[in-house]
């Protein structure tokens, strides 16, 4: 309830997401592919008596290539893992 006896809902959000990832190895090189998507709902009722609900849908794909290098010296292990990423993401407001 607001000061003027009107009903107001607190801001809230909900999200549903799905993600799929696959790892492949070619020798010491790692190739990862990923598909993802999420549906978001956000309600902001800052104004008394209204509920502004926004929906968005994000989806995309990600591919990465990495080649980790491990070096052992004097009882210490050093790992260098350079990566190259390719990412495509789309966001739509509904």
PDB file of N, CA and C in Angstrom:
ATOM      1  N   UNK A   1       0.842  -1.184   0.000  1.00  0.00           N
ATOM      2  CA  UNK A   1       0.000   0.000   0.000  1.00  0.00           C
ATOM      3  C   UNK A   1       0.883   1.242   0.000  1.00  0.00           C
ATOM      4  N   UNK A   2       0.494   2.233  -0.777  1.00  0.00           N
ATOM      5  CA  UNK A   2       1.199   3.508  -0.810  1.00  0.00           C
ATOM      6  C   UNK A   2       0.520   4.489   0.140  1.00  0.00           C
ATOM      7  N   UNK A   3       1.098   5.663   0.258  1.00  0.00           N
ATOM      8  CA  UNK A   3       0.528   6.693   1.133  1.00  0.00           C
ATOM      9  C   UNK A   3      -0.885   7.085   0.742  1.00  0.00           C
ATOM     10  N   UNK A   4      -1.198   6.990  -0.564  1.00  0.00           N
ATOM     11  CA  UNK A   4      -2.529   7.398  -1.010  1.00  0.00           C
ATOM     12  C   UNK A   4      -3.502   6.205  -1.070  1.00  0.00           C
ATOM     13  N   UNK A   5      -3.229   5.158  -0.272  1.00  0.00           N
ATOM     14  CA  UNK A   5      -4.066   3.958  -0.174  1.00  0.00           C
ATOM     15  C   UNK A   5      -4.238   3.231  -1.511  1.00  0.00           C
ATOM     16  N   UNK A   6      -3.254   3.311  -2.390  1.00  0.00           N
ATOM     17  CA  UNK A   6      -3.323   2.550  -3.631  1.00  0.00           C
ATOM     18  C   UNK A   6      -2.335   1.386  -3.551  1.00  0.00           C
ATOM     19  N   UNK A   7      -2.607   0.362  -4.331  1.00  0.00           N
ATOM     20  CA  UNK A   7      -1.792  -0.847  -4.300  1.00  0.00           C
ATOM     21  C   UNK A   7      -0.586  -0.691  -5.233  1.00  0.00           C
ATOM     22  N   UNK A   8       0.577  -1.106  -4.760  1.00  0.00           N
ATOM     23  CA  UNK A   8       1.785  -1.061  -5.576  1.00  0.00           C
ATOM     24  C   UNK A   8       2.560  -2.353  -5.350  1.00  0.00           C
ATOM     25  N   UNK A   9       3.033  -2.958  -6.411  1.00  0.00           N
ATOM     26  CA  UNK A   9       3.784  -4.204  -6.323  1.00  0.00           C
ATOM     27  C   UNK A   9       5.274  -3.890  -6.308  1.00  0.00           C
ATOM     28  N   UNK A  10       6.055  -4.532  -5.442  1.00  0.00           N
ATOM     29  CA  UNK A  10       7.499  -4.258  -5.432  1.00  0.00           C
ATOM     30  C   UNK A  10       8.148  -4.765  -6.720  1.00  0.00           C
ATOM     31  N   UNK A  11       9.267  -4.165  -7.130  1.00  0.00           N
ATOM     32  CA  UNK A  11       9.956  -4.639  -8.330  1.00  0.00           C
ATOM     33  C   UNK A  11      10.323  -6.118  -8.183  1.00  0.00           C
ATOM     34  N   UNK A  12      10.121  -6.864  -9.239  1.00  0.00           N
ATOM     35  CA  UNK A  12      10.451  -8.279  -9.206  1.00  0.00           C
ATOM     36  C   UNK A  12      10.890  -8.727 -10.596  1.00  0.00           C
ATOM     37  N   UNK A  13      11.566  -9.855 -10.651  1.00  0.00           N
ATOM     38  CA  UNK A  13      11.986 -10.386 -11.936  1.00  0.00           C
ATOM     39  C   UNK A  13      12.015 -11.904 -11.878  1.00  0.00           C
ATOM     40  N   UNK A  14      11.936 -12.515 -13.053  1.00  0.00           N
ATOM     41  CA  UNK A  14      12.023 -13.966 -13.181  1.00  0.00           C
ATOM     42  C   UNK A  14      12.811 -14.267 -14.445  1.00  0.00           C
ATOM     43  N   UNK A  15      13.540 -15.377 -14.425  1.00  0.00           N
ATOM     44  CA  UNK A  15      14.334 -15.745 -15.588  1.00  0.00           C
ATOM     45  C   UNK A  15      14.271 -17.258 -15.788  1.00  0.00           C
ATOM     46  N   UNK A  16      14.117 -17.655 -17.043  1.00  0.00           N
ATOM     47  CA  UNK A  16      14.203 -19.057 -17.438  1.00  0.00           C
ATOM     48  C   UNK A  16      15.312 -19.130 -18.475  1.00  0.00           C
ATOM     49  N   UNK A  17      16.256 -20.042 -18.278  1.00  0.00           N
ATOM     50  CA  UNK A  17      17.401 -20.111 -19.183  1.00  0.00           C
ATOM     51  C   UNK A  17      17.733 -21.557 -19.517  1.00  0.00           C
ATOM     52  N   UNK A  18      18.318 -21.744 -20.688  1.00  0.00           N
ATOM     53  CA  UNK A  18      18.816 -23.053 -21.121  1.00  0.00           C
ATOM     54  C   UNK A  18      20.190 -22.836 -21.739  1.00  0.00           C
ATOM     55  N   UNK A  19      21.067 -23.800 -21.515  1.00  0.00           N
ATOM     56  CA  UNK A  19      22.449 -23.678 -21.979  1.00  0.00           C
ATOM     57  C   UNK A  19      22.949 -25.062 -22.374  1.00  0.00           C
ATOM     58  N   UNK A  20      23.626 -25.149 -23.500  1.00  0.00           N
ATOM     59  CA  UNK A  20      24.215 -26.413 -23.944  1.00  0.00           C
ATOM     60  C   UNK A  20      25.669 -26.148 -24.302  1.00  0.00           C
ATOM     61  N   UNK A  21      26.582 -26.982 -23.795  1.00  0.00           N
ATOM     62  CA  UNK A  21      28.006 -26.800 -24.059  1.00  0.00           C
ATOM     63  C   UNK A  21      28.632 -28.139 -24.408  1.00  0.00           C
ATOM     64  N   UNK A  22      29.507 -28.118 -25.409  1.00  0.00           N
ATOM     65  CA  UNK A  22      30.206 -29.319 -25.828  1.00  0.00           C
ATOM     66  C   UNK A  22      31.695 -29.021 -25.938  1.00  0.00           C
ATOM     67  N   UNK A  23      32.513 -29.907 -25.362  1.00  0.00           N
ATOM     68  CA  UNK A  23      33.973 -29.774 -25.426  1.00  0.00           C
ATOM     69  C   UNK A  23      34.537 -30.867 -26.314  1.00  0.00           C
ATOM     70  N   UNK A  24      35.444 -30.488 -27.194  1.00  0.00           N
ATOM     71  CA  UNK A  24      36.151 -31.438 -28.043  1.00  0.00           C
ATOM     72  C   UNK A  24      37.643 -31.166 -27.921  1.00  0.00           C
ATOM     73  N   UNK A  25      38.428 -32.213 -27.998  1.00  0.00           N
ATOM     74  CA  UNK A  25      39.880 -32.074 -27.928  1.00  0.00           C
ATOM     75  C   UNK A  25      40.502 -32.595 -29.216  1.00  0.00           C
ATOM     76  N   UNK A  26      41.408 -31.803 -29.760  1.00  0.00           N
ATOM     77  CA  UNK A  26      42.209 -32.202 -30.904  1.00  0.00           C
ATOM     78  C   UNK A  26      43.656 -32.078 -30.443  1.00  0.00           C
ATOM     79  N   UNK A  27      44.228 -33.182 -30.019  1.00  0.00           N
ATOM     80  CA  UNK A  27      45.550 -33.123 -29.397  1.00  0.00           C
ATOM     81  C   UNK A  27      45.460 -32.349 -28.099  1.00  0.00           C
ATOM     82  N   UNK A  28      46.301 -31.342 -27.960  1.00  0.00           N
ATOM     83  CA  UNK A  28      46.251 -30.512 -26.749  1.00  0.00           C
ATOM     84  C   UNK A  28      45.356 -29.282 -26.914  1.00  0.00           C
ATOM     85  N   UNK A  29      44.733 -29.147 -28.067  1.00  0.00           N
ATOM     86  CA  UNK A  29      43.849 -28.006 -28.328  1.00  0.00           C
ATOM     87  C   UNK A  29      42.422 -28.352 -27.937  1.00  0.00           C
ATOM     88  N   UNK A  30      41.784 -27.440 -27.225  1.00  0.00           N
ATOM     89  CA  UNK A  30      40.404 -27.624 -26.784  1.00  0.00           C
ATOM     90  C   UNK A  30      39.493 -26.728 -27.604  1.00  0.00           C
ATOM     91  N   UNK A  31      38.432 -27.298 -28.147  1.00  0.00           N
ATOM     92  CA  UNK A  31      37.443 -26.543 -28.918  1.00  0.00           C
ATOM     93  C   UNK A  31      36.112 -26.662 -28.186  1.00  0.00           C
ATOM     94  N   UNK A  32      35.538 -25.537 -27.801  1.00  0.00           N
ATOM     95  CA  UNK A  32      34.267 -25.523 -27.065  1.00  0.00           C
ATOM     96  C   UNK A  32      33.211 -24.801 -27.887  1.00  0.00           C
ATOM     97  N   UNK A  33      32.026 -25.371 -27.936  1.00  0.00           N
ATOM     98  CA  UNK A  33      30.879 -24.716 -28.569  1.00  0.00           C
ATOM     99  C   UNK A  33      29.750 -24.656 -27.544  1.00  0.00           C
ATOM    100  N   UNK A  34      29.006 -23.578 -27.596  1.00  0.00           N
ATOM    101  CA  UNK A  34      27.936 -23.375 -26.616  1.00  0.00           C
ATOM    102  C   UNK A  34      26.768 -22.671 -27.277  1.00  0.00           C
ATOM    103  N   UNK A  35      25.559 -23.114 -26.969  1.00  0.00           N
ATOM    104  CA  UNK A  35      24.326 -22.461 -27.379  1.00  0.00           C
ATOM    105  C   UNK A  35      23.590 -22.068 -26.112  1.00  0.00           C
ATOM    106  N   UNK A  36      22.994 -20.890 -26.102  1.00  0.00           N
ATOM    107  CA  UNK A  36      22.309 -20.438 -24.893  1.00  0.00           C
ATOM    108  C   UNK A  36      21.094 -19.599 -25.248  1.00  0.00           C
ATOM    109  N   UNK A  37      20.168 -19.552 -24.306  1.00  0.00           N
ATOM    110  CA  UNK A  37      18.980 -18.725 -24.459  1.00  0.00           C
ATOM    111  C   UNK A  37      18.373 -18.451 -23.098  1.00  0.00           C
ATOM    112  N   UNK A  38      17.767 -17.291 -22.945  1.00  0.00           N
ATOM    113  CA  UNK A  38      17.099 -16.967 -21.686  1.00  0.00           C
ATOM    114  C   UNK A  38      15.912 -16.048 -21.949  1.00  0.00           C
ATOM    115  N   UNK A  39      14.879 -16.256 -21.170  1.00  0.00           N
ATOM    116  CA  UNK A  39      13.674 -15.434 -21.215  1.00  0.00           C
ATOM    117  C   UNK A  39      13.567 -14.718 -19.883  1.00  0.00           C
ATOM    118  N   UNK A  40      13.467 -13.401 -19.905  1.00  0.00           N
ATOM    119  CA  UNK A  40      13.440 -12.583 -18.690  1.00  0.00           C
ATOM    120  C   UNK A  40      12.138 -11.806 -18.590  1.00  0.00           C
ATOM    121  N   UNK A  41      11.625 -11.707 -17.387  1.00  0.00           N
ATOM    122  CA  UNK A  41      10.454 -10.885 -17.096  1.00  0.00           C
ATOM    123  C   UNK A  41      10.812  -9.962 -15.942  1.00  0.00           C
ATOM    124  N   UNK A  42      10.557  -8.673 -16.108  1.00  0.00           N
ATOM    125  CA  UNK A  42      10.850  -7.696 -15.053  1.00  0.00           C
ATOM    126  C   UNK A  42       9.628  -6.820 -14.851  1.00  0.00           C
ATOM    127  N   UNK A  43       9.207  -6.700 -13.597  1.00  0.00           N
ATOM    128  CA  UNK A  43       8.063  -5.853 -13.248  1.00  0.00           C
ATOM    129  C   UNK A  43       8.557  -4.715 -12.379  1.00  0.00           C
ATOM    130  N   UNK A  44       8.270  -3.488 -12.801  1.00  0.00           N
ATOM    131  CA  UNK A  44       8.622  -2.307 -12.022  1.00  0.00           C
ATOM    132  C   UNK A  44       7.352  -1.489 -11.844  1.00  0.00           C
ATOM    133  N   UNK A  45       6.847  -1.435 -10.644  1.00  0.00           N
ATOM    134  CA  UNK A  45       5.595  -0.710 -10.393  1.00  0.00           C
ATOM    135  C   UNK A  45       5.850   0.513  -9.532  1.00  0.00           C
ATOM    136  N   UNK A  46       6.770   1.350  -9.965  1.00  0.00           N
ATOM    137  CA  UNK A  46       7.108   2.544  -9.196  1.00  0.00           C
ATOM    138  C   UNK A  46       5.922   3.502  -9.115  1.00  0.00           C
ATOM    139  N   UNK A  47       5.109   3.539 -10.169  1.00  0.00           N
ATOM    140  CA  UNK A  47       3.936   4.412 -10.159  1.00  0.00           C
ATOM    141  C   UNK A  47       2.773   3.664  -9.514  1.00  0.00           C
ATOM    142  N   UNK A  48       2.052   4.336  -8.648  1.00  0.00           N
ATOM    143  CA  UNK A  48       0.923   3.712  -7.949  1.00  0.00           C
ATOM    144  C   UNK A  48      -0.131   3.269  -8.960  1.00  0.00           C
ATOM    145  N   UNK A  49      -0.602   2.050  -8.799  1.00  0.00           N
ATOM    146  CA  UNK A  49      -1.681   1.565  -9.641  1.00  0.00           C
ATOM    147  C   UNK A  49      -1.255   1.016 -10.985  1.00  0.00           C
ATOM    148  N   UNK A  50       0.010   1.049 -11.322  1.00  0.00           N
ATOM    149  CA  UNK A  50       0.455   0.506 -12.600  1.00  0.00           C
ATOM    150  C   UNK A  50       1.505  -0.569 -12.369  1.00  0.00           C
ATOM    151  N   UNK A  51       1.609  -1.469 -13.307  1.00  0.00           N
ATOM    152  CA  UNK A  51       2.629  -2.515 -13.249  1.00  0.00           C
ATOM    153  C   UNK A  51       3.272  -2.599 -14.627  1.00  0.00           C
ATOM    154  N   UNK A  52       4.387  -1.947 -14.788  1.00  0.00           N
ATOM    155  CA  UNK A  52       5.093  -1.949 -16.066  1.00  0.00           C
ATOM    156  C   UNK A  52       5.912  -3.230 -16.161  1.00  0.00           C
ATOM    157  N   UNK A  53       5.433  -4.171 -16.952  1.00  0.00           N
ATOM    158  CA  UNK A  53       6.122  -5.450 -17.090  1.00  0.00           C
ATOM    159  C   UNK A  53       6.864  -5.463 -18.421  1.00  0.00           C
ATOM    160  N   UNK A  54       8.149  -5.811 -18.362  1.00  0.00           N
ATOM    161  CA  UNK A  54       8.981  -5.879 -19.560  1.00  0.00           C
ATOM    162  C   UNK A  54       9.452  -7.314 -19.747  1.00  0.00           C
ATOM    163  N   UNK A  55       9.492  -7.759 -20.988  1.00  0.00           N
ATOM    164  CA  UNK A  55       9.981  -9.083 -21.323  1.00  0.00           C
ATOM    165  C   UNK A  55      11.156  -8.942 -22.277  1.00  0.00           C
ATOM    166  N   UNK A  56      12.139  -9.802 -22.133  1.00  0.00           N
ATOM    167  CA  UNK A  56      13.243  -9.838 -23.092  1.00  0.00           C
ATOM    168  C   UNK A  56      13.651 -11.285 -23.319  1.00  0.00           C
ATOM    169  N   UNK A  57      14.162 -11.545 -24.499  1.00  0.00           N
ATOM    170  CA  UNK A  57      14.625 -12.874 -24.869  1.00  0.00           C
ATOM    171  C   UNK A  57      16.023 -12.727 -25.438  1.00  0.00           C
ATOM    172  N   UNK A  58      16.988 -13.415 -24.829  1.00  0.00           N
ATOM    173  CA  UNK A  58      18.370 -13.386 -25.302  1.00  0.00           C
ATOM    174  C   UNK A  58      18.756 -14.788 -25.755  1.00  0.00           C
ATOM    175  N   UNK A  59      19.441 -14.850 -26.880  1.00  0.00           N
ATOM    176  CA  UNK A  59      19.933 -16.138 -27.342  1.00  0.00           C
ATOM    177  C   UNK A  59      21.215 -15.910 -28.127  1.00  0.00           C
ATOM    178  N   UNK A  60      21.976 -16.971 -28.287  1.00  0.00           N
ATOM    179  CA  UNK A  60      23.207 -16.817 -29.028  1.00  0.00           C
ATOM    180  C   UNK A  60      24.048 -18.076 -29.043  1.00  0.00           C
ATOM    181  N   UNK A  61      25.244 -17.906 -29.567  1.00  0.00           N
ATOM    182  CA  UNK A  61      26.196 -19.006 -29.683  1.00  0.00           C
ATOM    183  C   UNK A  61      27.586 -18.494 -29.339  1.00  0.00           C
ATOM    184  N   UNK A  62      28.404 -19.391 -28.827  1.00  0.00           N
ATOM    185  CA  UNK A  62      29.771 -19.058 -28.443  1.00  0.00           C
ATOM    186  C   UNK A  62      30.666 -20.209 -28.881  1.00  0.00           C
ATOM    187  N   UNK A  63      31.785 -19.868 -29.461  1.00  0.00           N
ATOM    188  CA  UNK A  63      32.803 -20.871 -29.807  1.00  0.00           C
ATOM    189  C   UNK A  63      34.137 -20.358 -29.288  1.00  0.00           C
ATOM    190  N   UNK A  64      34.930 -21.271 -28.744  1.00  0.00           N
ATOM    191  CA  UNK A  64      36.248 -20.869 -28.261  1.00  0.00           C
ATOM    192  C   UNK A  64      37.268 -21.959 -28.596  1.00  0.00           C
ATOM    193  N   UNK A  65      38.485 -21.512 -28.810  1.00  0.00           N
ATOM    194  CA  UNK A  65      39.609 -22.404 -29.078  1.00  0.00           C
ATOM    195  C   UNK A  65      40.696 -22.044 -28.079  1.00  0.00           C
ATOM    196  N   UNK A  66      41.229 -23.047 -27.395  1.00  0.00           N
ATOM    197  CA  UNK A  66      42.309 -22.784 -26.446  1.00  0.00           C
ATOM    198  C   UNK A  66      43.348 -23.892 -26.557  1.00  0.00           C
ATOM    199  N   UNK A  67      44.547 -23.528 -26.180  1.00  0.00           N
ATOM    200  CA  UNK A  67      45.656 -24.478 -26.215  1.00  0.00           C
ATOM    201  C   UNK A  67      46.500 -24.274 -24.960  1.00  0.00           C
ATOM    202  N   UNK A  68      46.145 -24.978 -23.880  1.00  0.00           N
ATOM    203  CA  UNK A  68      46.886 -24.786 -22.632  1.00  0.00           C
ATOM    204  C   UNK A  68      48.316 -25.333 -22.717  1.00  0.00           C
ATOM    205  N   UNK A  69      49.226 -24.595 -22.115  1.00  0.00           N
ATOM    206  CA  UNK A  69      50.632 -25.006 -22.034  1.00  0.00           C
ATOM    207  C   UNK A  69      50.996 -25.120 -20.559  1.00  0.00           C
ATOM    208  N   UNK A  70      51.567 -26.250 -20.179  1.00  0.00           N
ATOM    209  CA  UNK A  70      51.948 -26.496 -18.795  1.00  0.00           C
ATOM    210  C   UNK A  70      53.468 -26.584 -18.726  1.00  0.00           C
ATOM    211  N   UNK A  71      54.042 -25.840 -17.779  1.00  0.00           N
ATOM    212  CA  UNK A  71      55.484 -25.850 -17.588  1.00  0.00           C
ATOM    213  C   UNK A  71      55.774 -26.169 -16.121  1.00  0.00           C
ATOM    214  N   UNK A  72      56.607 -27.177 -15.909  1.00  0.00           N
ATOM    215  CA  UNK A  72      56.995 -27.552 -14.554  1.00  0.00           C
ATOM    216  C   UNK A  72      58.477 -27.243 -14.385  1.00  0.00           C
ATOM    217  N   UNK A  73      58.783 -26.486 -13.337  1.00  0.00           N
ATOM    218  CA  UNK A  73      60.183 -26.142 -13.055  1.00  0.00           C
ATOM    219  C   UNK A  73      60.337 -25.843 -11.578  1.00  0.00           C
ATOM    220  N   UNK A  74      61.369 -26.383 -10.975  1.00  0.00           N
ATOM    221  CA  UNK A  74      61.689 -26.127  -9.569  1.00  0.00           C
ATOM    222  C   UNK A  74      60.509 -26.389  -8.632  1.00  0.00           C
ATOM    223  N   UNK A  75      59.763 -27.451  -8.896  1.00  0.00           N
ATOM    224  CA  UNK A  75      58.647 -27.803  -8.028  1.00  0.00           C
ATOM    225  C   UNK A  75      57.422 -26.915  -8.198  1.00  0.00           C
ATOM    226  N   UNK A  76      57.393 -26.042  -9.201  1.00  0.00           N
ATOM    227  CA  UNK A  76      56.253 -25.161  -9.461  1.00  0.00           C
ATOM    228  C   UNK A  76      55.651 -25.509 -10.812  1.00  0.00           C
ATOM    229  N   UNK A  77      54.370 -25.309 -10.911  1.00  0.00           N
ATOM    230  CA  UNK A  77      53.654 -25.562 -12.158  1.00  0.00           C
ATOM    231  C   UNK A  77      53.086 -24.238 -12.659  1.00  0.00           C
ATOM    232  N   UNK A  78      53.369 -23.922 -13.907  1.00  0.00           N
ATOM    233  CA  UNK A  78      52.823 -22.708 -14.538  1.00  0.00           C
ATOM    234  C   UNK A  78      51.930 -23.148 -15.693  1.00  0.00           C
ATOM    235  N   UNK A  79      50.724 -22.595 -15.738  1.00  0.00           N
ATOM    236  CA  UNK A  79      49.790 -22.927 -16.816  1.00  0.00           C
ATOM    237  C   UNK A  79      49.445 -21.642 -17.560  1.00  0.00           C
ATOM    238  N   UNK A  80      49.667 -21.668 -18.848  1.00  0.00           N
ATOM    239  CA  UNK A  80      49.280 -20.560 -19.725  1.00  0.00           C
ATOM    240  C   UNK A  80      48.213 -21.113 -20.659  1.00  0.00           C
ATOM    241  N   UNK A  81      47.050 -20.470 -20.682  1.00  0.00           N
ATOM    242  CA  UNK A  81      45.923 -20.971 -21.461  1.00  0.00           C
ATOM    243  C   UNK A  81      45.357 -19.863 -22.349  1.00  0.00           C
ATOM    244  N   UNK A  82      46.008 -19.569 -23.484  1.00  0.00           N
ATOM    245  CA  UNK A  82      45.464 -18.540 -24.381  1.00  0.00           C
ATOM    246  C   UNK A  82      44.174 -19.030 -25.043  1.00  0.00           C
ATOM    247  N   UNK A  83      43.200 -18.126 -25.187  1.00  0.00           N
ATOM    248  CA  UNK A  83      41.905 -18.484 -25.769  1.00  0.00           C
ATOM    249  C   UNK A  83      41.490 -17.476 -26.819  1.00  0.00           C
ATOM    250  N   UNK A  84      40.773 -17.962 -27.801  1.00  0.00           N
ATOM    251  CA  UNK A  84      40.155 -17.119 -28.824  1.00  0.00           C
ATOM    252  C   UNK A  84      38.656 -17.384 -28.749  1.00  0.00           C
ATOM    253  N   UNK A  85      37.868 -16.313 -28.616  1.00  0.00           N
ATOM    254  CA  UNK A  85      36.417 -16.430 -28.504  1.00  0.00           C
ATOM    255  C   UNK A  85      35.729 -15.827 -29.717  1.00  0.00           C
ATOM    256  N   UNK A  86      34.654 -16.466 -30.136  1.00  0.00           N
ATOM    257  CA  UNK A  86      33.747 -15.934 -31.140  1.00  0.00           C
ATOM    258  C   UNK A  86      32.357 -15.986 -30.520  1.00  0.00           C
ATOM    259  N   UNK A  87      31.689 -14.837 -30.424  1.00  0.00           N
ATOM    260  CA  UNK A  87      30.409 -14.793 -29.729  1.00  0.00           C
ATOM    261  C   UNK A  87      29.385 -14.039 -30.560  1.00  0.00           C
ATOM    262  N   UNK A  88      28.192 -14.599 -30.632  1.00  0.00           N
ATOM    263  CA  UNK A  88      27.057 -13.965 -31.293  1.00  0.00           C
ATOM    264  C   UNK A  88      25.905 -13.985 -30.305  1.00  0.00           C
ATOM    265  N   UNK A  89      25.357 -12.803 -29.969  1.00  0.00           N
ATOM    266  CA  UNK A  89      24.260 -12.729 -29.021  1.00  0.00           C
ATOM    267  C   UNK A  89      23.221 -11.748 -29.545  1.00  0.00           C
ATOM    268  N   UNK A  90      21.959 -12.124 -29.416  1.00  0.00           N
ATOM    269  CA  UNK A  90      20.842 -11.286 -29.846  1.00  0.00           C
ATOM    270  C   UNK A  90      19.936 -11.074 -28.643  1.00  0.00           C
ATOM    271  N   UNK A  91      19.488  -9.842 -28.444  1.00  0.00           N
ATOM    272  CA  UNK A  91      18.557  -9.540 -27.357  1.00  0.00           C
ATOM    273  C   UNK A  91      17.349  -8.835 -27.968  1.00  0.00           C
ATOM    274  N   UNK A  92      16.171  -9.379 -27.693  1.00  0.00           N
ATOM    275  CA  UNK A  92      14.919  -8.806 -28.222  1.00  0.00           C
ATOM    276  C   UNK A  92      14.045  -8.404 -27.049  1.00  0.00           C
ATOM    277  N   UNK A  93      13.494  -7.225 -27.111  1.00  0.00           N
ATOM    278  CA  UNK A  93      12.509  -6.772 -26.130  1.00  0.00           C
ATOM    279  C   UNK A  93      11.138  -7.128 -26.685  1.00  0.00           C
ATOM    280  N   UNK A  94      10.333  -7.765 -25.846  1.00  0.00           N
ATOM    281  CA  UNK A  94       8.995  -8.199 -26.286  1.00  0.00           C
ATOM    282  C   UNK A  94       7.956  -7.287 -25.662  1.00  0.00           C
TER     283      UNK A  94
END
